[in-house]
């Protein structure tokens, strides 16, 4: 099947993207890792000695980066519906994290260890309908928040991708109810035309 004009433009832009090239050179699995790197350099959310849960982790770039920082004795657990090629030092659960069996497996992996950080770079498959896509994206963000407040240790942090639009302000206020400090970040690696931003919440109550 011949590619559409928009598809060809996207592919050309993708392969000319400086972050795509950097990811290939540095051995990271996706350009998205540079969003996390910029936030980490500014906010120091990943710390040695902490345990991390990475929601919607495929293809694994965020887990790959966090693994380097937390230390070999600590856990990073990645979850996604999609499969991920094995990553050294990363425990992976394939499945829908909103379903009870997956959450039970997560709890079993954690044992009595506490979680200091929950990451979520999830986005829905886009339909092209802006209102539908916004609702789907917000739903995923709300599920990520529900998971974070269930498993985070007191004082822990939560980083989540959200798209600005209908429901964003209400979601932002919802996060503020559970955390002491909430800021919005727009990393350079996040394309300027995209409405995606990252909400960083610290000090889980």
Protein backbone atom coordinates (compact mmCIF):
# COMPACT_ATOMS: atom_id res chain seq x y z
CA UNK A 1 0.00 0.00 0.00
CA UNK A 2 1.38 3.42 -0.96
CA UNK A 3 2.03 5.80 1.91
CA UNK A 4 -0.04 8.98 2.16
CA UNK A 5 1.56 12.40 1.75
CA UNK A 6 1.16 13.11 5.49
CA UNK A 7 2.70 9.74 6.35
CA UNK A 8 5.72 10.44 4.15
CA UNK A 9 6.12 13.88 5.75
CA UNK A 10 5.99 12.35 9.23
CA UNK A 11 8.63 9.76 8.34
CA UNK A 12 10.91 12.40 6.85
CA UNK A 13 10.52 14.61 9.91
CA UNK A 14 11.08 11.66 12.23
CA UNK A 15 14.36 10.56 10.68
CA UNK A 16 15.63 14.15 10.47
CA UNK A 17 14.74 14.77 14.13
CA UNK A 18 17.80 15.62 16.23
CA UNK A 19 16.46 13.64 19.20
CA UNK A 20 15.88 10.55 17.07
CA UNK A 21 19.48 10.78 15.93
CA UNK A 22 20.76 11.31 19.49
CA UNK A 23 18.77 8.31 20.73
CA UNK A 24 20.34 6.13 18.05
CA UNK A 25 23.85 7.36 18.85
CA UNK A 26 23.45 6.99 22.63
CA UNK A 27 21.69 3.63 22.45
CA UNK A 28 18.31 4.71 23.81
CA UNK A 29 15.13 3.07 22.61
CA UNK A 30 13.22 6.23 21.71
CA UNK A 31 13.50 10.00 21.42
CA UNK A 32 11.07 10.31 24.36
CA UNK A 33 13.91 9.60 26.78
CA UNK A 34 15.21 13.12 26.25
CA UNK A 35 12.00 14.54 27.73
CA UNK A 36 12.69 12.60 30.92
CA UNK A 37 16.39 13.50 30.88
CA UNK A 38 15.59 17.23 30.72
CA UNK A 39 13.09 16.97 33.57
CA UNK A 40 15.54 14.90 35.60
CA UNK A 41 18.34 17.44 35.11
CA UNK A 42 16.04 20.23 36.32
CA UNK A 43 14.02 18.51 39.04
CA UNK A 44 16.12 15.48 40.16
CA UNK A 45 13.08 13.23 40.50
CA UNK A 46 14.94 9.95 39.99
CA UNK A 47 17.24 9.24 42.93
CA UNK A 48 19.66 6.53 43.89
CA UNK A 49 18.07 4.05 46.26
CA UNK A 50 14.46 4.48 45.12
CA UNK A 51 12.06 2.03 43.52
CA UNK A 52 10.26 3.14 40.35
CA UNK A 53 7.13 2.06 38.46
CA UNK A 54 6.94 2.99 34.76
CA UNK A 55 3.39 2.87 33.33
CA UNK A 56 2.95 2.49 29.58
CA UNK A 57 6.66 1.87 29.32
CA UNK A 58 7.07 0.55 25.74
CA UNK A 59 9.52 0.63 24.07
CA UNK A 60 11.38 1.05 27.38
CA UNK A 61 13.47 4.20 27.03
CA UNK A 62 12.36 5.76 30.31
CA UNK A 63 13.00 2.56 32.27
CA UNK A 64 16.35 2.19 30.52
CA UNK A 65 17.41 5.68 31.67
CA UNK A 66 16.01 5.40 35.22
CA UNK A 67 17.79 2.06 35.71
CA UNK A 68 21.15 3.81 35.42
CA UNK A 69 20.34 6.12 38.32
CA UNK A 70 18.46 4.15 40.97
CA UNK A 71 21.13 1.55 41.71
CA UNK A 72 21.34 -2.19 41.19
CA UNK A 73 19.67 -3.16 44.48
CA UNK A 74 16.52 -1.21 43.73
CA UNK A 75 13.58 -2.16 41.56
CA UNK A 76 12.17 -0.66 38.41
CA UNK A 77 8.97 -2.27 37.23
CA UNK A 78 7.71 -1.47 33.75
CA UNK A 79 4.16 -2.14 32.59
CA UNK A 80 2.60 -2.00 29.13
CA UNK A 81 -0.01 -3.72 27.00
CA UNK A 82 2.65 -3.97 24.29
CA UNK A 83 5.68 -6.28 24.60
CA UNK A 84 9.10 -4.83 25.43
CA UNK A 85 12.44 -6.32 24.50
CA UNK A 86 14.18 -7.39 27.73
CA UNK A 87 16.06 -4.69 29.64
CA UNK A 88 18.76 -5.63 32.13
CA UNK A 89 17.61 -4.86 35.67
CA UNK A 90 14.03 -4.02 34.67
CA UNK A 91 11.09 -6.23 35.68
CA UNK A 92 8.36 -6.16 33.03
CA UNK A 93 4.68 -6.96 33.31
CA UNK A 94 2.74 -7.17 30.05
CA UNK A 95 -0.92 -6.35 30.43
CA UNK A 96 -3.44 -3.65 31.21
CA UNK A 97 -2.38 -2.09 34.51
CA UNK A 98 -6.02 -1.20 35.29
CA UNK A 99 -6.96 -4.88 35.51
CA UNK A 100 -6.84 -6.62 38.86
CA UNK A 101 -4.53 -9.55 37.87
CA UNK A 102 -1.91 -7.09 36.59
CA UNK A 103 -2.10 -4.99 39.75
CA UNK A 104 -1.80 -8.15 41.84
CA UNK A 105 1.32 -9.14 39.92
CA UNK A 106 2.74 -5.65 40.49
CA UNK A 107 2.09 -5.90 44.23
CA UNK A 108 3.69 -9.36 44.29
CA UNK A 109 6.82 -8.02 42.56
CA UNK A 110 7.01 -5.12 45.00
CA UNK A 111 6.68 -7.23 48.11
CA UNK A 112 7.29 -4.95 51.07
CA UNK A 113 9.37 -2.44 49.09
CA UNK A 114 8.07 1.11 48.80
CA UNK A 115 7.70 3.09 45.57
CA UNK A 116 9.26 6.54 45.41
CA UNK A 117 8.33 7.46 41.84
CA UNK A 118 5.61 6.63 39.32
CA UNK A 119 6.23 7.57 35.69
CA UNK A 120 3.62 7.68 32.92
CA UNK A 121 4.36 8.66 29.32
CA UNK A 122 1.19 7.02 28.03
CA UNK A 123 -0.84 8.28 25.09
CA UNK A 124 -3.81 6.68 23.32
CA UNK A 125 -3.85 5.54 19.72
CA UNK A 126 -5.03 8.65 17.91
CA UNK A 127 -8.29 8.56 15.98
CA UNK A 128 -7.98 11.98 14.40
CA UNK A 129 -11.01 13.25 16.30
CA UNK A 130 -9.63 15.88 18.70
CA UNK A 131 -12.35 15.64 21.32
CA UNK A 132 -12.25 11.83 21.33
CA UNK A 133 -8.45 11.74 21.51
CA UNK A 134 -8.42 14.28 24.35
CA UNK A 135 -10.93 12.25 26.34
CA UNK A 136 -8.92 9.04 25.83
CA UNK A 137 -5.66 10.72 26.83
CA UNK A 138 -7.22 12.21 29.95
CA UNK A 139 -8.70 8.84 30.88
CA UNK A 140 -5.23 7.26 30.76
CA UNK A 141 -3.82 10.09 32.87
CA UNK A 142 -6.58 9.61 35.45
CA UNK A 143 -5.86 5.88 35.61
CA UNK A 144 -2.17 6.62 36.09
CA UNK A 145 -2.99 8.99 38.96
CA UNK A 146 -5.25 6.37 40.57
CA UNK A 147 -2.38 3.89 40.40
CA UNK A 148 0.13 6.40 41.76
CA UNK A 149 -1.93 7.27 44.83
CA UNK A 150 -2.45 3.55 45.47
CA UNK A 151 1.22 2.49 45.40
CA UNK A 152 3.32 5.58 46.18
CA UNK A 153 5.09 5.97 49.50
CA UNK A 154 4.46 9.16 51.46
CA UNK A 155 6.60 11.94 49.99
CA UNK A 156 6.85 10.16 46.63
CA UNK A 157 6.65 11.75 43.17
CA UNK A 158 4.51 11.33 40.05
CA UNK A 159 5.34 12.40 36.49
CA UNK A 160 2.57 12.12 33.91
CA UNK A 161 2.04 13.16 30.31
CA UNK A 162 -1.15 15.15 29.75
CA UNK A 163 -2.57 16.97 26.74
CA UNK A 164 -3.86 20.50 27.25
CA UNK A 165 -7.53 20.80 26.39
CA UNK A 166 -10.91 19.88 27.84
CA UNK A 167 -10.56 18.47 31.34
CA UNK A 168 -6.93 19.49 31.80
CA UNK A 169 -7.58 22.12 34.50
CA UNK A 170 -9.77 19.76 36.52
CA UNK A 171 -7.13 17.04 36.32
CA UNK A 172 -4.43 19.51 37.39
CA UNK A 173 -6.51 20.47 40.44
CA UNK A 174 -7.10 16.80 41.24
CA UNK A 175 -3.36 16.14 41.38
CA UNK A 176 -2.87 19.14 43.69
CA UNK A 177 -5.17 17.51 46.22
CA UNK A 178 -2.78 14.59 46.65
CA UNK A 179 0.65 16.26 46.38
CA UNK A 180 2.40 19.17 48.09
CA UNK A 181 4.11 20.53 44.97
CA UNK A 182 2.79 20.44 41.40
CA UNK A 183 4.48 22.03 38.36
CA UNK A 184 4.05 21.80 34.59
CA UNK A 185 7.00 21.05 32.32
CA UNK A 186 7.29 21.31 28.53
CA UNK A 187 10.63 19.69 27.59
CA UNK A 188 12.45 20.82 24.46
CA UNK A 189 12.14 17.30 23.04
CA UNK A 190 8.36 17.67 23.15
CA UNK A 191 7.42 18.94 19.70
CA UNK A 192 6.32 22.58 19.78
CA UNK A 193 3.08 21.94 17.89
CA UNK A 194 2.04 19.21 20.33
CA UNK A 195 -0.29 20.07 23.19
CA UNK A 196 1.46 17.55 25.42
CA UNK A 197 2.94 18.74 28.69
CA UNK A 198 4.18 16.87 31.74
CA UNK A 199 2.73 17.39 35.19
CA UNK A 200 5.31 16.77 37.90
CA UNK A 201 3.90 16.22 41.36
CA UNK A 202 6.13 15.89 44.44
CA UNK A 203 5.48 15.22 48.09
CA UNK A 204 2.67 12.65 48.01
CA UNK A 205 0.44 13.29 51.00
